[in-house]
Protein backbone atom coordinates (compact mmCIF):
# COMPACT_ATOMS: atom_id res chain seq x y z
CA MET A 1 -12.65 27.81 24.25
CA LEU A 2 -10.45 30.58 22.95
CA GLU A 3 -11.08 34.08 24.24
CA ASN A 4 -12.53 36.57 21.60
CA GLU A 5 -12.77 33.71 19.12
CA ALA A 6 -16.12 32.14 19.52
CA SER A 7 -16.20 30.88 15.98
CA VAL A 8 -12.96 28.80 16.30
CA LYS A 9 -13.75 25.31 17.56
CA ALA A 10 -11.37 22.67 18.83
CA THR A 11 -11.50 19.67 16.42
CA ALA A 12 -8.61 17.38 17.55
CA MET A 13 -6.51 16.84 20.70
CA ALA A 14 -3.57 14.80 21.93
CA TRP A 15 -1.56 14.45 25.12
CA ALA A 16 2.00 15.76 25.11
CA THR A 17 2.70 15.11 28.81
CA SER A 18 0.64 14.40 31.90
CA ASN A 19 0.03 18.07 32.24
CA ARG A 20 0.31 19.31 28.66
CA LEU A 21 -2.41 19.06 26.00
CA VAL A 22 -2.05 19.72 22.18
CA VAL A 23 -5.26 20.96 20.63
CA GLY A 24 -6.03 21.46 16.85
CA TYR A 25 -8.62 24.03 15.79
CA SER A 26 -10.95 24.60 12.96
CA ASP A 27 -8.78 27.58 11.68
CA GLY A 28 -5.86 25.27 11.21
CA SER A 29 -3.78 26.41 14.23
CA ILE A 30 -2.34 24.24 16.98
CA ALA A 31 -2.16 25.24 20.52
CA LEU A 32 -0.29 23.84 23.57
CA TRP A 33 -2.22 24.12 26.83
CA SER A 34 -1.37 23.58 30.40
CA VAL A 35 -3.95 21.51 32.23
CA TYR A 36 -3.10 22.77 35.80
CA PRO A 37 -2.94 25.58 36.15
CA CYS A 38 -5.13 26.01 33.04
CA PHE A 39 -3.69 28.50 30.63
CA LEU A 40 -2.63 28.68 26.96
CA ILE A 41 1.13 28.24 26.57
CA SER A 42 1.47 28.88 22.79
CA ARG A 43 -0.51 28.73 19.57
CA HIS A 44 0.84 28.49 16.09
CA PRO A 45 -0.68 28.73 12.57
CA VAL A 46 0.12 25.37 10.90
CA HIS A 47 -2.60 24.73 8.33
CA HIS A 48 -5.17 26.75 6.27
CA SER A 49 -8.12 24.38 6.96
CA LEU A 50 -9.84 22.43 9.71
CA ILE A 51 -7.53 19.89 11.46
CA VAL A 52 -9.00 16.47 11.41
CA ASP A 53 -6.44 14.36 13.19
CA LEU A 54 -3.54 15.13 15.61
CA SER A 55 -0.92 12.90 17.20
CA THR A 56 2.20 13.55 19.44
CA GLY A 57 5.47 11.62 19.87
CA TYR A 58 4.58 10.90 23.51
CA PRO A 59 6.38 9.51 25.52
CA SER A 60 9.71 9.58 23.51
CA HIS A 61 9.29 12.92 21.81
CA PRO A 62 6.31 14.56 23.51
CA PHE A 63 6.51 17.85 21.72
CA LEU A 64 6.78 16.42 18.10
CA VAL A 65 3.23 16.94 16.81
CA ALA A 66 1.94 15.46 13.42
CA SER A 67 -1.32 16.94 12.13
CA THR A 68 -3.58 16.18 9.17
CA PRO A 69 -5.95 18.81 7.84
CA ILE A 70 -9.20 18.22 6.01
CA GLY A 71 -7.46 19.71 2.92
CA GLY A 72 -3.75 20.12 2.37
CA VAL A 73 -0.52 18.56 3.48
CA THR A 74 0.31 16.46 6.50
CA LYS A 75 2.89 18.36 8.71
CA LEU A 76 5.23 17.65 11.54
CA VAL A 77 5.99 20.45 14.07
CA ASP A 78 8.38 20.51 17.04
CA LEU A 79 6.51 22.75 19.53
CA SER A 80 9.61 23.28 21.54
CA ARG A 81 11.08 25.19 18.47
CA PRO A 82 8.01 25.79 16.28
CA THR A 83 9.46 28.70 14.31
CA PHE A 84 12.03 26.59 12.41
CA GLU A 85 11.53 22.90 13.28
CA THR A 86 8.86 21.86 10.82
CA THR A 87 8.49 19.73 7.83
CA GLU A 88 5.64 18.37 5.64
CA VAL A 89 4.72 15.76 3.06
CA GLN A 90 4.46 17.39 -0.27
CA THR A 91 1.28 15.96 -1.54
CA ASN A 92 -2.01 17.73 -1.24
CA ALA A 93 -4.86 15.47 -0.34
CA VAL A 94 -8.33 15.50 1.06
CA SER A 95 -8.64 13.71 4.47
CA TRP A 96 -11.94 13.35 6.28
CA GLN A 97 -11.25 10.36 8.49
CA PRO A 98 -9.99 10.93 12.10
CA ASN A 99 -8.30 8.24 14.25
CA MET A 100 -5.92 7.61 11.36
CA LEU A 101 -2.71 8.94 12.81
CA ALA A 102 -0.63 7.25 15.56
CA TYR A 103 3.04 7.29 16.85
CA SER A 104 5.28 4.24 17.03
CA ARG A 105 7.81 4.55 19.76
CA HIS A 106 9.65 1.43 18.45
CA LEU A 107 10.09 2.91 14.91
CA GLN A 108 10.23 6.46 16.02
CA GLY A 109 7.68 7.58 13.43
CA PHE A 110 4.03 8.05 12.57
CA TYR A 111 1.53 5.83 10.88
CA SER A 112 -1.17 7.64 8.77
CA VAL A 113 -3.23 7.42 5.69
CA TYR A 114 -1.01 7.35 2.63
CA PRO A 115 -0.99 10.98 1.33
CA SER A 116 -2.70 10.70 -2.15
CA ALA A 117 -5.10 12.48 -4.19
CA ASN A 118 -6.66 9.19 -5.41
CA ALA A 119 -10.38 8.99 -4.38
CA LEU A 120 -9.98 5.22 -3.78
CA ASN A 121 -6.98 5.36 -1.55
CA THR A 122 -6.97 2.54 0.97
CA MET A 123 -3.27 2.65 1.89
CA VAL A 124 -1.59 3.05 5.27
CA ALA A 125 1.96 4.74 5.30
CA PHE A 126 4.81 5.04 7.71
CA LEU A 127 6.53 8.45 8.07
CA HIS A 128 9.77 8.51 10.15
CA GLN A 129 10.21 11.57 12.33
CA ARG A 130 13.69 12.35 10.93
CA PHE A 131 12.63 11.76 7.28
CA PHE A 132 9.06 12.79 7.43
CA PRO A 133 8.62 13.71 3.71
CA ILE A 134 9.65 10.19 2.67
CA VAL A 135 6.56 7.96 2.76
CA ARG A 136 6.59 4.08 2.99
CA ARG A 137 3.52 2.16 2.34
CA VAL A 138 2.83 -0.77 4.74
CA PHE A 139 -0.76 -1.87 4.14
CA VAL A 140 -3.34 -1.79 1.36
CA GLY A 141 -6.78 -2.44 2.35
CA GLU A 142 -9.88 -4.01 0.70
CA SER A 143 -12.03 -1.05 1.73
CA TYR A 144 -11.67 2.45 3.22
CA ASN A 145 -9.74 2.50 6.35
CA SER A 146 -11.50 4.05 9.46
CA SER A 147 -9.04 3.68 12.41
CA LEU A 148 -5.63 2.48 13.41
CA ALA A 149 -3.66 1.89 16.57
CA VAL A 150 0.05 0.97 17.26
CA GLY A 151 1.17 -1.28 20.15
CA ARG A 152 2.86 0.34 23.14
CA THR A 153 4.83 -2.72 24.16
CA HIS A 154 5.25 -4.15 20.75
CA PRO A 155 5.34 -2.87 17.06
CA PHE A 156 2.11 -4.48 15.88
CA LEU A 157 -0.57 -2.54 14.09
CA LEU A 158 -4.30 -2.81 14.10
CA ILE A 159 -6.28 -1.26 11.29
CA GLY A 160 -10.10 -0.94 11.08
CA SER A 161 -12.02 -0.53 7.97
CA THR A 162 -15.54 0.65 6.93
CA ASP A 163 -16.68 -2.92 5.98
CA GLY A 164 -16.32 -3.96 9.79
CA SER A 165 -12.95 -5.69 9.33
CA LEU A 166 -10.08 -5.48 11.82
CA TRP A 167 -6.66 -6.30 10.42
CA SER A 168 -3.38 -7.08 12.29
CA LEU A 169 0.16 -7.10 10.90
CA ASN A 170 3.66 -6.46 11.80
CA PRO A 171 4.64 -3.42 9.73
CA GLN A 172 8.45 -3.86 10.50
CA VAL A 173 8.53 -6.78 7.94
CA GLU A 174 7.34 -4.43 5.15
CA LEU A 175 9.72 -1.68 6.16
CA PHE A 176 12.88 -3.72 6.76
CA ASN A 177 12.52 -6.32 4.01
CA SER A 178 12.10 -4.53 0.65
CA ARG A 179 12.84 -7.45 -1.63
CA ARG A 180 10.65 -10.17 -0.31
CA GLY A 181 7.14 -11.23 -1.31
CA PRO A 182 3.85 -10.00 0.11
CA THR A 183 3.78 -10.37 3.96
CA ASP A 184 1.14 -12.10 6.10
CA ARG A 185 -1.73 -10.37 7.56
CA LEU A 186 -4.77 -11.55 9.75
CA ARG A 187 -8.37 -10.54 9.63
CA ILE A 188 -9.23 -10.77 13.37
CA PHE A 189 -12.93 -10.22 12.90
CA GLN A 190 -15.53 -8.74 10.70
CA HIS A 191 -18.44 -6.81 12.22
CA GLU A 192 -21.69 -6.69 10.31
CA HIS A 193 -24.70 -4.58 11.34
CA ARG A 194 -28.30 -4.76 10.15
CA PRO A 195 -30.43 -1.65 10.74
CA LYS A 196 -33.66 -1.81 12.39
CA GLU A 197 -35.60 -0.76 9.28
CA LEU A 198 -34.81 -4.14 7.64
CA PHE A 199 -36.68 -6.01 10.48
CA PRO A 200 -40.39 -6.57 10.84
CA ALA A 201 -42.15 -4.62 13.55
CA ASP A 202 -42.77 -7.51 15.71
CA SER A 203 -39.06 -8.58 15.81
CA PRO A 204 -36.97 -7.90 18.96
CA ALA A 205 -34.33 -6.39 16.75
CA SER A 206 -36.73 -3.62 15.38
CA GLU A 207 -35.72 -1.27 18.05
CA ARG A 208 -31.88 -1.10 17.49
CA GLY A 209 -31.07 -3.54 14.69
CA ALA A 210 -28.76 -6.52 15.02
CA SER A 211 -25.05 -7.01 14.87
CA ARG A 212 -22.78 -10.09 14.54
CA PHE A 213 -19.02 -10.67 14.65
CA LEU A 214 -17.41 -13.12 12.25
CA HIS A 215 -14.07 -14.54 13.16
CA GLY A 216 -11.80 -17.52 12.52
CA PHE A 217 -10.28 -16.10 9.40
CA ALA A 218 -7.10 -17.69 8.02
CA VAL A 219 -3.80 -15.77 7.55
CA GLU A 220 -3.54 -14.29 4.07
CA LYS A 221 -1.09 -12.40 1.97
CA GLY A 222 -1.30 -8.76 1.85
CA ARG A 223 -1.50 -6.73 -1.44
CA ARG A 224 1.78 -5.33 -2.79
CA PRO A 225 2.37 -2.21 -0.99
CA LYS A 226 4.89 -0.86 -3.52
CA GLY A 227 2.43 -0.19 -6.24
CA GLU A 228 -0.19 -2.55 -7.69
CA VAL A 229 0.66 -2.01 -11.40
CA LYS A 230 3.57 -4.05 -12.53
CA VAL A 231 5.53 -1.99 -15.13
CA GLN A 232 6.59 -4.23 -18.08
CA PRO A 233 10.06 -3.78 -19.31
CA ALA A 234 10.25 -1.91 -22.63
CA LYS A 235 10.80 -4.10 -25.68
CA LYS A 236 11.98 -3.08 -29.13
CA GLN A 237 8.89 -3.01 -31.31
CA LYS A 238 8.87 -3.96 -35.03
CA ARG A 239 7.24 -1.70 -37.55
CA PRO A 240 3.63 -3.11 -37.84
CA LYS A 241 2.01 -3.88 -41.13
CA LYS A 242 -0.96 -1.79 -42.43
CA ALA A 243 -3.39 -4.62 -41.68
CA ASP A 244 -2.17 -4.91 -38.12
CA VAL A 245 -2.31 -1.05 -37.21
CA GLY A 246 -5.88 -1.28 -36.04
CA ALA A 247 -5.24 -4.42 -33.88
CA VAL A 248 -2.23 -2.95 -32.23
CA GLU A 249 -3.99 0.31 -31.40
CA GLY A 250 -6.85 -1.63 -29.87
CA GLY A 251 -4.49 -3.87 -27.86
CA ALA A 252 -2.67 -0.71 -26.48
CA ASP A 253 -6.01 0.75 -25.29
CA ASP A 254 -6.85 -2.52 -23.58
CA ASP A 255 -3.53 -2.59 -21.69
CA ASP A 256 -4.01 1.00 -20.52
CA ASP A 257 -7.49 0.20 -19.33
CA GLU A 258 -6.21 -2.83 -17.32
CA GLU A 259 -3.55 -0.69 -15.65
CA ALA A 260 -6.02 1.99 -14.77
CA ALA A 261 -8.44 -0.67 -13.26
CA SER A 262 -5.64 -1.97 -11.11
CA VAL A 263 -5.02 1.42 -9.61
CA MET A 264 -8.58 2.55 -9.38
CA ASP A 265 -10.12 -0.67 -8.09
CA PRO A 266 -13.73 0.24 -7.94
CA THR A 267 -14.60 -2.46 -5.25
CA ARG A 268 -12.57 -0.25 -2.76
CA GLY A 269 -15.29 2.43 -2.96
CA ILE A 270 -18.17 0.19 -2.00
CA VAL A 271 -20.45 1.94 0.52
CA TYR A 272 -21.08 -0.38 3.45
CA GLU A 273 -23.69 0.02 6.17
CA PRO A 274 -22.40 2.97 8.28
CA LEU A 275 -22.96 1.24 11.66
CA SER A 276 -20.78 -1.56 10.55
CA ARG A 277 -17.35 0.33 10.54
CA VAL A 278 -14.71 0.07 13.20
CA THR A 279 -14.58 3.53 14.64
CA SER A 280 -11.80 3.38 17.22
CA ILE A 281 -8.99 1.00 18.32
CA GLU A 282 -6.56 1.08 21.22
CA TRP A 283 -3.87 -1.25 22.62
CA ASN A 284 -3.46 -1.64 26.38
CA PRO A 285 -0.38 0.33 27.27
CA ASN A 286 0.51 -1.71 30.38
CA GLN A 287 3.63 -3.96 30.17
CA ASP A 288 1.89 -7.04 31.52
CA PHE A 289 -1.18 -6.76 29.25
CA GLY A 290 0.19 -5.09 26.11
CA CYS A 291 -1.40 -7.67 23.87
CA TRP A 292 -4.89 -6.77 24.98
CA ALA A 293 -6.71 -4.54 22.65
CA ALA A 294 -10.19 -2.84 22.51
CA ALA A 295 -12.11 -2.15 19.19
CA ALA A 296 -15.25 0.01 19.17
CA THR A 297 -17.81 -0.16 16.30
CA ALA A 298 -20.26 2.31 15.00
CA SER A 299 -23.18 0.21 16.20
CA GLY A 300 -22.13 0.79 19.87
CA LEU A 301 -20.43 -2.51 20.61
CA VAL A 302 -17.03 -2.69 22.06
CA ARG A 303 -14.98 -5.89 21.70
CA ILE A 304 -12.15 -6.57 24.16
CA MET A 305 -9.60 -9.09 22.83
CA ASP A 306 -6.37 -10.79 24.09
CA LEU A 307 -4.33 -11.12 20.95
CA GLY A 308 -1.16 -12.60 22.49
CA LEU A 309 0.09 -16.09 21.95
CA ASP A 310 1.15 -18.16 25.01
CA ASN A 311 4.48 -19.83 24.46
CA VAL A 312 3.98 -22.56 27.15
CA PRO A 313 5.80 -25.77 26.59
CA SER A 314 3.49 -28.81 26.29
């Protein structure tokens, strides 16, 4: 709690070191706290609205802080030089989903929601710490994304969505191979929850509802991350006849509609059961168990998984 500012609430936090804590506030400011002894080291005005998500470059660059406000631009600030070491992505967007900002020590950058004003945005982007305004898309989801996590001992990325799906992929393939086709991704499981209101009163599930996990999905190709509308090369048009003018105009309208439908795919905006979503994901940071991960769902279930492959000769 800040002194003499009771109306300002802490909305996000992240560890900088074992004794330093970075906190984002509802007025858009970011503060660096000492845990022991407990005192405020510095506080800086960064955004103009509530901070939804916060992430640091710990342990490689602990004082690099990336933050996303509820409305505005995503910014990167170096708290060791906060007055002049700052940059941002020049795209105004509305972000309401936390747990969508994480640092990758292998690639020296941050993964976040792709900064876009599109209401049906389901993309995840990579922002390098030295070239933060340059955004690279690495994932296009089937529904709204709700959480993500980057491995501490490996570069693999886990992405949870509102339909209960948990996706796994290696984003390095998308970042370092710009001219190859769509890369592979795997849906590890899909969580479905049925609320208690849909069960009869004499059913055991009438107290809390029921959930199930679907797994065993095959590897599939990801959507094209570099834009889903393929621009056709311009061709020299002949002058149409009077009888064909109406048909040509109608065809042009149809093409425009198809392109708009590809970008604004309405299936991405489907509203799923709120308790089906994957709310939080985390990889195990220990070297010997780095392939273990935990995924929490809105229904209250937590799934612990070993996602590593044993290379044991037969």
